[in-house]
Amino acid sequence: MAKRGVGRRRGAKRGRVQVALGLLAFLLVASGVIARRSAGAAKARELLALDRTRVTLEAERAKLVNDIRTASSLGRLGQVASQRLGLHIPADSQVVRLPKPDVRPEARP
């Protein structure tokens, strides 16, 4: 009977070791999942901040494009040219139209 009692103790130790290893494996897997979720949440916050910045920059770009269109319109440029530079719209007799030169590549022999 003494031999059987010793065998049971070894079996109990093996069982405890297996349970401890199982718990350790579970702890490592759970820690990995928590770390991955934390990293994912941080990336999501970063993406949200970048998306807000992108939307703001797109709105600013649209405003600047509109400002450029307004500033470069013929009516606005005419006003600026007459006020700042003292230019005026020429009369028809002052306009000289030059014919467009005929540009043809010369044939090479």
Protein backbone atom coordinates (compact mmCIF):
# COMPACT_ATOMS: atom_id res chain seq x y z
CA MET A 1 0.00 0.00 0.00
CA ALA A 2 2.85 2.33 0.58
CA LYS A 3 3.76 2.21 -3.07
CA ARG A 4 0.29 3.22 -4.15
CA GLY A 5 0.29 6.26 -1.88
CA VAL A 6 3.58 7.48 -3.38
CA GLY A 7 2.16 7.07 -6.87
CA ARG A 8 -0.87 9.12 -6.02
CA ARG A 9 1.27 11.95 -4.75
CA ARG A 10 3.24 12.04 -8.01
CA GLY A 11 -0.01 12.07 -9.95
CA ALA A 12 -1.31 14.90 -7.82
CA LYS A 13 1.86 16.90 -8.43
CA ARG A 14 1.60 16.31 -12.18
CA GLY A 15 -2.01 17.46 -12.11
CA ARG A 16 -1.09 20.62 -10.19
CA VAL A 17 1.73 21.38 -12.64
CA GLN A 18 -0.61 20.89 -15.59
CA VAL A 19 -3.22 23.17 -14.02
CA ALA A 20 -0.55 25.78 -13.26
CA LEU A 21 0.74 25.60 -16.85
CA GLY A 22 -2.81 25.87 -18.15
CA LEU A 23 -3.48 28.93 -15.99
CA LEU A 24 -0.17 30.47 -17.10
CA ALA A 25 -1.06 29.87 -20.75
CA PHE A 26 -4.49 31.42 -20.19
CA LEU A 27 -2.88 34.41 -18.47
CA LEU A 28 -0.48 34.94 -21.39
CA VAL A 29 -3.24 34.68 -23.99
CA ALA A 30 -5.50 37.03 -22.02
CA SER A 31 -2.64 39.53 -21.64
CA GLY A 32 -1.99 39.37 -25.39
CA VAL A 33 -5.65 40.00 -26.17
CA ILE A 34 -5.79 42.96 -23.80
CA ALA A 35 -2.58 44.43 -25.24
CA ARG A 36 -3.90 44.03 -28.80
CA ARG A 37 -7.21 45.69 -27.91
CA SER A 38 -5.41 48.55 -26.18
CA ALA A 39 -3.19 49.09 -29.22
CA GLY A 40 -6.25 48.95 -31.49
CA ALA A 41 -8.06 51.55 -29.38
CA ALA A 42 -5.02 53.85 -29.50
CA LYS A 43 -4.84 53.48 -33.30
CA ALA A 44 -8.57 54.20 -33.56
CA ARG A 45 -8.13 57.43 -31.59
CA GLU A 46 -5.20 58.39 -33.81
CA LEU A 47 -7.22 57.67 -36.97
CA LEU A 48 -10.10 59.76 -35.65
CA ALA A 49 -7.78 62.70 -34.97
CA LEU A 50 -6.23 62.37 -38.44
CA ASP A 51 -9.68 62.22 -40.03
CA ARG A 52 -10.70 65.43 -38.23
CA THR A 53 -7.50 67.09 -39.45
CA ARG A 54 -8.18 65.90 -43.02
CA VAL A 55 -11.72 67.28 -42.97
CA THR A 56 -10.44 70.62 -41.65
CA LEU A 57 -7.74 70.80 -44.32
CA GLU A 58 -10.21 69.91 -47.09
CA ALA A 59 -12.53 72.70 -45.94
CA GLU A 60 -9.63 75.16 -45.86
CA ARG A 61 -8.55 74.06 -49.35
CA ALA A 62 -12.06 74.56 -50.71
CA LYS A 63 -12.15 78.05 -49.18
CA LEU A 64 -8.76 78.93 -50.67
CA VAL A 65 -9.80 77.65 -54.13
CA ASN A 66 -12.91 79.80 -53.91
CA ASP A 67 -10.83 82.82 -52.85
CA ILE A 68 -8.48 82.28 -55.80
CA ARG A 69 -11.40 82.04 -58.24
CA THR A 70 -12.91 85.21 -56.85
CA ALA A 71 -9.62 87.11 -56.92
CA SER A 72 -8.75 86.02 -60.45
CA SER A 73 -12.14 86.78 -62.02
CA LEU A 74 -12.11 89.26 -64.88
CA GLY A 75 -14.28 91.76 -63.01
CA ARG A 76 -12.01 91.77 -59.98
CA LEU A 77 -8.80 91.93 -62.03
CA GLY A 78 -10.22 94.83 -64.05
CA GLN A 79 -10.94 96.78 -60.87
CA VAL A 80 -7.47 96.13 -59.45
CA ALA A 81 -5.77 97.05 -62.74
CA SER A 82 -7.65 100.33 -63.03
CA GLN A 83 -7.33 101.34 -59.36
CA ARG A 84 -3.80 100.30 -58.47
CA LEU A 85 -2.06 100.44 -61.82
CA GLY A 86 -4.04 103.19 -63.54
CA LEU A 87 -4.82 100.99 -66.54
CA HIS A 88 -7.95 101.35 -68.65
CA ILE A 89 -9.79 99.27 -71.21
CA PRO A 90 -8.46 100.25 -74.66
CA ALA A 91 -10.68 101.58 -77.39
CA ASP A 92 -11.14 99.46 -80.50
CA SER A 93 -8.82 101.73 -82.45
CA GLN A 94 -6.04 101.08 -79.94
CA VAL A 95 -6.17 97.31 -80.30
CA VAL A 96 -3.81 95.75 -82.83
CA ARG A 97 -4.43 92.16 -83.78
CA LEU A 98 -1.47 90.26 -85.10
CA PRO A 99 -1.87 87.17 -87.26
CA LYS A 100 -0.73 83.94 -85.72
CA PRO A 101 2.46 82.75 -87.40
CA ASP A 102 2.19 79.51 -89.30
CA VAL A 103 4.44 77.07 -87.48
CA ARG A 104 5.16 74.00 -89.58
CA PRO A 105 8.13 71.78 -89.10
CA GLU A 106 10.37 71.86 -92.14
CA ALA A 107 10.68 68.63 -94.02
CA ARG A 108 14.13 67.13 -93.78
CA PRO A 109 15.64 65.48 -96.87
